[in-house]
């Protein structure tokens, strides 16, 4: 019985870590996705509290908490990737503007433009 509750305690701690990590998730869709994963994990952990000796419920709760962690980490990676792409796009746009300005400055006027 003590080992059953130790497993439940571990799940609760792992769920808490997922909730903590999810506080850093930004964006409406990403946040809603993280919240859903946490809600599902919370429900699974809540079920195991009622029957801590159930191996089936324990396995289900572990999988739900693991999934919540995986979802949150995947969202974090995608947000980081998106930010990097936006920064790269801004840098490329700025460089393109520099090249256009340089080309315009070097361009010599044609005879038609001089009159």
N, C-alpha and C. Protein backbone atom coordinates (compact mmCIF):
# COMPACT_ATOMS: atom_id res chain seq x y z
N UNK A 1 0.82 -1.19 0.00
CA UNK A 1 0.00 0.00 0.00
C UNK A 1 0.87 1.26 0.00
N UNK A 2 1.97 1.25 0.76
CA UNK A 2 2.86 2.40 0.80
C UNK A 2 3.45 2.65 -0.59
N UNK A 3 3.85 1.58 -1.29
CA UNK A 3 4.40 1.74 -2.63
C UNK A 3 3.37 2.29 -3.61
N UNK A 4 2.10 1.91 -3.40
CA UNK A 4 1.04 2.45 -4.26
C UNK A 4 0.98 3.97 -4.12
N UNK A 5 1.03 4.44 -2.89
CA UNK A 5 0.95 5.88 -2.67
C UNK A 5 2.22 6.59 -3.10
N UNK A 6 3.35 5.90 -3.05
CA UNK A 6 4.59 6.50 -3.53
C UNK A 6 4.50 6.75 -5.04
N UNK A 7 3.89 5.82 -5.76
CA UNK A 7 3.71 6.00 -7.20
C UNK A 7 2.76 7.17 -7.48
N UNK A 8 1.71 7.28 -6.69
CA UNK A 8 0.77 8.39 -6.84
C UNK A 8 1.47 9.71 -6.55
N UNK A 9 2.27 9.73 -5.50
CA UNK A 9 3.01 10.94 -5.15
C UNK A 9 3.93 11.36 -6.29
N UNK A 10 4.60 10.40 -6.89
CA UNK A 10 5.49 10.69 -8.02
C UNK A 10 4.69 11.28 -9.19
N UNK A 11 3.53 10.70 -9.46
CA UNK A 11 2.69 11.22 -10.54
C UNK A 11 2.24 12.65 -10.26
N UNK A 12 1.88 12.92 -9.03
CA UNK A 12 1.45 14.27 -8.67
C UNK A 12 2.59 15.26 -8.85
N UNK A 13 3.78 14.87 -8.46
CA UNK A 13 4.95 15.74 -8.64
C UNK A 13 5.25 15.96 -10.12
N UNK A 14 5.17 14.88 -10.90
CA UNK A 14 5.41 15.01 -12.34
C UNK A 14 4.36 15.89 -13.01
N UNK A 15 3.12 15.76 -12.57
CA UNK A 15 2.05 16.60 -13.09
C UNK A 15 2.32 18.07 -12.73
N UNK A 16 2.77 18.30 -11.50
CA UNK A 16 3.12 19.66 -11.08
C UNK A 16 4.23 20.24 -11.94
N UNK A 17 5.20 19.42 -12.30
CA UNK A 17 6.29 19.90 -13.16
C UNK A 17 5.75 20.28 -14.54
N UNK A 18 4.80 19.50 -15.05
CA UNK A 18 4.19 19.82 -16.35
C UNK A 18 3.42 21.13 -16.27
N UNK A 19 2.68 21.31 -15.19
CA UNK A 19 1.92 22.55 -15.00
C UNK A 19 2.88 23.74 -14.94
N UNK A 20 3.96 23.57 -14.23
CA UNK A 20 4.96 24.64 -14.11
C UNK A 20 5.56 24.97 -15.48
N UNK A 21 5.91 23.96 -16.24
CA UNK A 21 6.49 24.18 -17.57
C UNK A 21 5.49 24.85 -18.50
N UNK A 22 4.23 24.51 -18.34
CA UNK A 22 3.19 25.07 -19.22
C UNK A 22 2.98 26.55 -19.00
N UNK A 23 3.39 27.06 -17.86
CA UNK A 23 3.21 28.50 -17.62
C UNK A 23 4.03 29.35 -18.58
N UNK A 24 5.02 28.75 -19.22
CA UNK A 24 5.86 29.47 -20.16
C UNK A 24 5.37 29.37 -21.60
N UNK A 25 4.33 28.58 -21.83
CA UNK A 25 3.79 28.41 -23.18
C UNK A 25 3.04 29.68 -23.56
N UNK A 26 3.32 30.21 -24.73
CA UNK A 26 2.69 31.44 -25.21
C UNK A 26 1.90 31.15 -26.48
N UNK A 27 0.93 31.98 -26.73
CA UNK A 27 0.09 31.82 -27.92
C UNK A 27 -1.20 31.11 -27.56
N UNK A 28 -2.29 31.58 -28.13
CA UNK A 28 -3.60 31.05 -27.78
C UNK A 28 -3.75 29.56 -28.07
N UNK A 29 -3.36 29.16 -29.28
CA UNK A 29 -3.53 27.76 -29.67
C UNK A 29 -2.58 26.87 -28.86
N UNK A 30 -1.34 27.30 -28.72
CA UNK A 30 -0.37 26.52 -27.97
C UNK A 30 -0.80 26.39 -26.51
N UNK A 31 -1.28 27.48 -25.94
CA UNK A 31 -1.72 27.45 -24.54
C UNK A 31 -2.93 26.53 -24.37
N UNK A 32 -3.87 26.60 -25.29
CA UNK A 32 -5.05 25.73 -25.22
C UNK A 32 -4.65 24.26 -25.34
N UNK A 33 -3.68 23.98 -26.19
CA UNK A 33 -3.19 22.61 -26.36
C UNK A 33 -2.52 22.11 -25.08
N UNK A 34 -1.68 22.95 -24.49
CA UNK A 34 -1.01 22.58 -23.23
C UNK A 34 -2.04 22.39 -22.13
N UNK A 35 -3.01 23.27 -22.05
CA UNK A 35 -4.05 23.15 -21.02
C UNK A 35 -4.83 21.86 -21.16
N UNK A 36 -5.15 21.48 -22.40
CA UNK A 36 -5.89 20.24 -22.63
C UNK A 36 -5.06 19.03 -22.19
N UNK A 37 -3.79 19.01 -22.53
CA UNK A 37 -2.92 17.89 -22.13
C UNK A 37 -2.83 17.81 -20.60
N UNK A 38 -2.74 18.95 -19.95
CA UNK A 38 -2.66 18.97 -18.48
C UNK A 38 -3.99 18.54 -17.87
N UNK A 39 -5.07 18.99 -18.46
CA UNK A 39 -6.39 18.60 -17.94
C UNK A 39 -6.58 17.08 -18.03
N UNK A 40 -6.19 16.49 -19.15
CA UNK A 40 -6.30 15.03 -19.31
C UNK A 40 -5.41 14.30 -18.32
N UNK A 41 -4.21 14.80 -18.11
CA UNK A 41 -3.30 14.18 -17.15
C UNK A 41 -3.85 14.32 -15.73
N UNK A 42 -4.41 15.48 -15.44
CA UNK A 42 -4.99 15.71 -14.11
C UNK A 42 -6.14 14.74 -13.84
N UNK A 43 -6.97 14.53 -14.83
CA UNK A 43 -8.08 13.59 -14.67
C UNK A 43 -7.57 12.18 -14.41
N UNK A 44 -6.54 11.79 -15.14
CA UNK A 44 -5.98 10.45 -14.96
C UNK A 44 -5.36 10.30 -13.58
N UNK A 45 -4.66 11.33 -13.11
CA UNK A 45 -4.06 11.28 -11.77
C UNK A 45 -5.16 11.27 -10.72
N UNK A 46 -6.21 12.03 -10.94
CA UNK A 46 -7.33 12.04 -10.00
C UNK A 46 -7.96 10.65 -9.88
N UNK A 47 -8.07 9.95 -10.99
CA UNK A 47 -8.64 8.60 -10.97
C UNK A 47 -7.78 7.63 -10.17
N UNK A 48 -6.47 7.75 -10.27
CA UNK A 48 -5.58 6.84 -9.54
C UNK A 48 -5.63 7.11 -8.04
N UNK A 49 -5.95 8.33 -7.65
CA UNK A 49 -6.06 8.64 -6.22
C UNK A 49 -7.19 7.83 -5.60
N UNK A 50 -8.23 7.59 -6.37
CA UNK A 50 -9.37 6.80 -5.87
C UNK A 50 -9.03 5.33 -5.75
N UNK A 51 -8.12 4.84 -6.57
CA UNK A 51 -7.75 3.42 -6.57
C UNK A 51 -6.24 3.28 -6.77
N UNK A 52 -5.45 3.62 -5.77
CA UNK A 52 -4.00 3.64 -5.95
C UNK A 52 -3.37 2.28 -6.25
N UNK A 53 -4.08 1.20 -6.01
CA UNK A 53 -3.51 -0.12 -6.28
C UNK A 53 -3.85 -0.63 -7.69
N UNK A 54 -4.62 0.13 -8.45
CA UNK A 54 -4.99 -0.29 -9.80
C UNK A 54 -3.82 -0.08 -10.76
N UNK A 55 -3.28 -1.17 -11.25
CA UNK A 55 -2.16 -1.10 -12.19
C UNK A 55 -2.59 -0.47 -13.52
N UNK A 56 -3.82 -0.75 -13.92
CA UNK A 56 -4.33 -0.19 -15.17
C UNK A 56 -4.44 1.33 -15.08
N UNK A 57 -5.03 1.81 -13.99
CA UNK A 57 -5.16 3.26 -13.81
C UNK A 57 -3.79 3.92 -13.64
N UNK A 58 -2.87 3.23 -12.96
CA UNK A 58 -1.52 3.77 -12.78
C UNK A 58 -0.82 3.92 -14.13
N UNK A 59 -0.94 2.90 -14.96
CA UNK A 59 -0.31 2.96 -16.28
C UNK A 59 -0.94 4.07 -17.12
N UNK A 60 -2.24 4.20 -17.03
CA UNK A 60 -2.94 5.25 -17.78
C UNK A 60 -2.52 6.64 -17.30
N UNK A 61 -2.41 6.81 -16.01
CA UNK A 61 -2.00 8.10 -15.45
C UNK A 61 -0.56 8.43 -15.84
N UNK A 62 0.30 7.43 -15.78
CA UNK A 62 1.71 7.67 -16.19
C UNK A 62 1.78 8.10 -17.65
N UNK A 63 1.02 7.44 -18.49
CA UNK A 63 1.01 7.77 -19.91
C UNK A 63 0.46 9.18 -20.14
N UNK A 64 -0.59 9.54 -19.43
CA UNK A 64 -1.18 10.87 -19.59
C UNK A 64 -0.21 11.96 -19.14
N UNK A 65 0.48 11.75 -18.04
CA UNK A 65 1.44 12.74 -17.55
C UNK A 65 2.62 12.83 -18.52
N UNK A 66 3.08 11.69 -19.01
CA UNK A 66 4.18 11.68 -19.99
C UNK A 66 3.76 12.42 -21.26
N UNK A 67 2.54 12.19 -21.69
CA UNK A 67 2.03 12.88 -22.89
C UNK A 67 1.97 14.38 -22.66
N UNK A 68 1.52 14.79 -21.49
CA UNK A 68 1.48 16.23 -21.18
C UNK A 68 2.88 16.84 -21.28
N UNK A 69 3.86 16.16 -20.70
CA UNK A 69 5.25 16.65 -20.79
C UNK A 69 5.69 16.73 -22.26
N UNK A 70 5.41 15.67 -23.02
CA UNK A 70 5.82 15.65 -24.42
C UNK A 70 5.17 16.77 -25.22
N UNK A 71 3.88 17.00 -24.98
CA UNK A 71 3.17 18.07 -25.69
C UNK A 71 3.79 19.42 -25.37
N UNK A 72 4.04 19.67 -24.10
CA UNK A 72 4.60 20.96 -23.68
C UNK A 72 6.00 21.16 -24.25
N UNK A 73 6.80 20.12 -24.26
CA UNK A 73 8.15 20.24 -24.83
C UNK A 73 8.08 20.46 -26.34
N UNK A 74 7.16 19.77 -27.01
CA UNK A 74 7.01 19.97 -28.46
C UNK A 74 6.57 21.39 -28.77
N UNK A 75 5.64 21.90 -27.98
CA UNK A 75 5.19 23.29 -28.17
C UNK A 75 6.34 24.26 -27.96
N UNK A 76 7.14 24.01 -26.94
CA UNK A 76 8.28 24.87 -26.67
C UNK A 76 9.26 24.87 -27.83
N UNK A 77 9.53 23.69 -28.38
CA UNK A 77 10.45 23.60 -29.53
C UNK A 77 9.89 24.34 -30.74
N UNK A 78 8.59 24.20 -30.98
CA UNK A 78 7.97 24.87 -32.13
C UNK A 78 7.97 26.38 -31.98
N UNK A 79 7.72 26.85 -30.77
CA UNK A 79 7.75 28.30 -30.52
C UNK A 79 9.16 28.83 -30.74
N UNK A 80 10.15 28.12 -30.24
CA UNK A 80 11.55 28.54 -30.43
C UNK A 80 11.91 28.54 -31.91
N UNK A 81 11.48 27.51 -32.64
CA UNK A 81 11.74 27.43 -34.07
C UNK A 81 11.07 28.58 -34.81
N UNK A 82 9.84 28.87 -34.45
CA UNK A 82 9.10 29.96 -35.07
C UNK A 82 9.78 31.31 -34.83
N UNK A 83 10.23 31.53 -33.61
CA UNK A 83 10.92 32.78 -33.30
C UNK A 83 12.21 32.92 -34.11
N UNK A 84 12.94 31.81 -34.22
CA UNK A 84 14.18 31.84 -34.99
C UNK A 84 13.90 32.14 -36.46
N UNK A 85 12.85 31.56 -37.00
CA UNK A 85 12.49 31.82 -38.40
C UNK A 85 12.09 33.27 -38.61
N UNK A 86 11.33 33.83 -37.67
CA UNK A 86 10.94 35.24 -37.79
C UNK A 86 12.16 36.14 -37.72
N UNK A 87 13.08 35.85 -36.81
CA UNK A 87 14.29 36.66 -36.69
C UNK A 87 15.13 36.56 -37.97
N UNK A 88 15.23 35.36 -38.50
CA UNK A 88 15.97 35.17 -39.74
C UNK A 88 15.31 35.93 -40.89
N UNK A 89 13.99 35.88 -40.95
CA UNK A 89 13.26 36.61 -41.98
C UNK A 89 13.49 38.11 -41.90
N UNK A 90 13.49 38.63 -40.68
CA UNK A 90 13.75 40.07 -40.50
C UNK A 90 15.16 40.42 -40.95
N UNK A 91 16.12 39.58 -40.61
CA UNK A 91 17.51 39.83 -41.01
C UNK A 91 17.66 39.78 -42.52
N UNK A 92 17.01 38.83 -43.16
CA UNK A 92 17.08 38.72 -44.62
C UNK A 92 16.43 39.93 -45.28
N UNK A 93 15.28 40.36 -44.75
CA UNK A 93 14.61 41.55 -45.30
C UNK A 93 15.47 42.80 -45.15
N UNK A 94 16.10 42.94 -44.00
CA UNK A 94 16.97 44.10 -43.77
C UNK A 94 18.15 44.08 -44.74
N UNK A 95 18.73 42.90 -44.95
CA UNK A 95 19.86 42.80 -45.88
C UNK A 95 19.42 43.09 -47.31
N UNK A 96 18.24 42.63 -47.68
CA UNK A 96 17.72 42.91 -49.02
C UNK A 96 17.54 44.41 -49.23
N UNK A 97 17.03 45.09 -48.23
CA UNK A 97 16.88 46.55 -48.33
C UNK A 97 18.22 47.23 -48.50
N UNK A 98 19.23 46.78 -47.76
CA UNK A 98 20.57 47.35 -47.89
C UNK A 98 21.09 47.18 -49.32
N UNK A 99 20.92 45.99 -49.86
CA UNK A 99 21.41 45.72 -51.21
C UNK A 99 20.66 46.56 -52.24
N UNK A 100 19.37 46.73 -52.07
CA UNK A 100 18.59 47.57 -52.99
C UNK A 100 19.07 49.01 -52.91
N UNK A 101 19.28 49.52 -51.71
CA UNK A 101 19.75 50.89 -51.54
C UNK A 101 21.14 51.07 -52.13
N UNK A 102 22.01 50.08 -51.93
CA UNK A 102 23.36 50.15 -52.51
C UNK A 102 23.29 50.15 -54.03
N UNK A 103 22.45 49.31 -54.58
CA UNK A 103 22.33 49.24 -56.03
C UNK A 103 21.77 50.54 -56.58
N UNK A 104 20.81 51.12 -55.89
CA UNK A 104 20.22 52.39 -56.35
C UNK A 104 21.26 53.52 -56.27
N UNK A 105 22.08 53.52 -55.25
CA UNK A 105 23.09 54.56 -55.09
C UNK A 105 24.19 54.44 -56.15
N UNK A 106 24.50 53.26 -56.59
CA UNK A 106 25.56 53.04 -57.57
C UNK A 106 25.08 53.22 -59.01
N UNK A 107 23.79 53.17 -59.16
CA UNK A 107 23.23 53.25 -60.51
C UNK A 107 23.49 54.64 -61.07
N UNK A 108 24.09 54.69 -62.26
CA UNK A 108 24.34 55.99 -62.88
C UNK A 108 23.12 56.37 -63.73
N UNK A 109 22.81 57.63 -63.73
CA UNK A 109 21.63 58.06 -64.51
C UNK A 109 21.86 57.85 -66.00
N UNK A 110 20.83 57.45 -66.68
CA UNK A 110 20.90 57.28 -68.16
C UNK A 110 20.76 58.66 -68.79
N UNK A 111 21.12 58.81 -70.07
CA UNK A 111 21.00 60.12 -70.74
C UNK A 111 19.56 60.64 -70.68
N UNK A 112 18.60 59.78 -70.77
CA UNK A 112 17.20 60.21 -70.73
C UNK A 112 16.85 60.79 -69.36
N UNK A 113 17.42 60.24 -68.30
CA UNK A 113 17.13 60.71 -66.96
C UNK A 113 17.80 62.05 -66.65
N UNK A 114 18.86 62.40 -67.40
CA UNK A 114 19.58 63.63 -67.13
C UNK A 114 18.84 64.86 -67.66
N UNK A 115 17.96 64.71 -68.58
CA UNK A 115 17.28 65.87 -69.15
C UNK A 115 16.06 66.23 -68.39
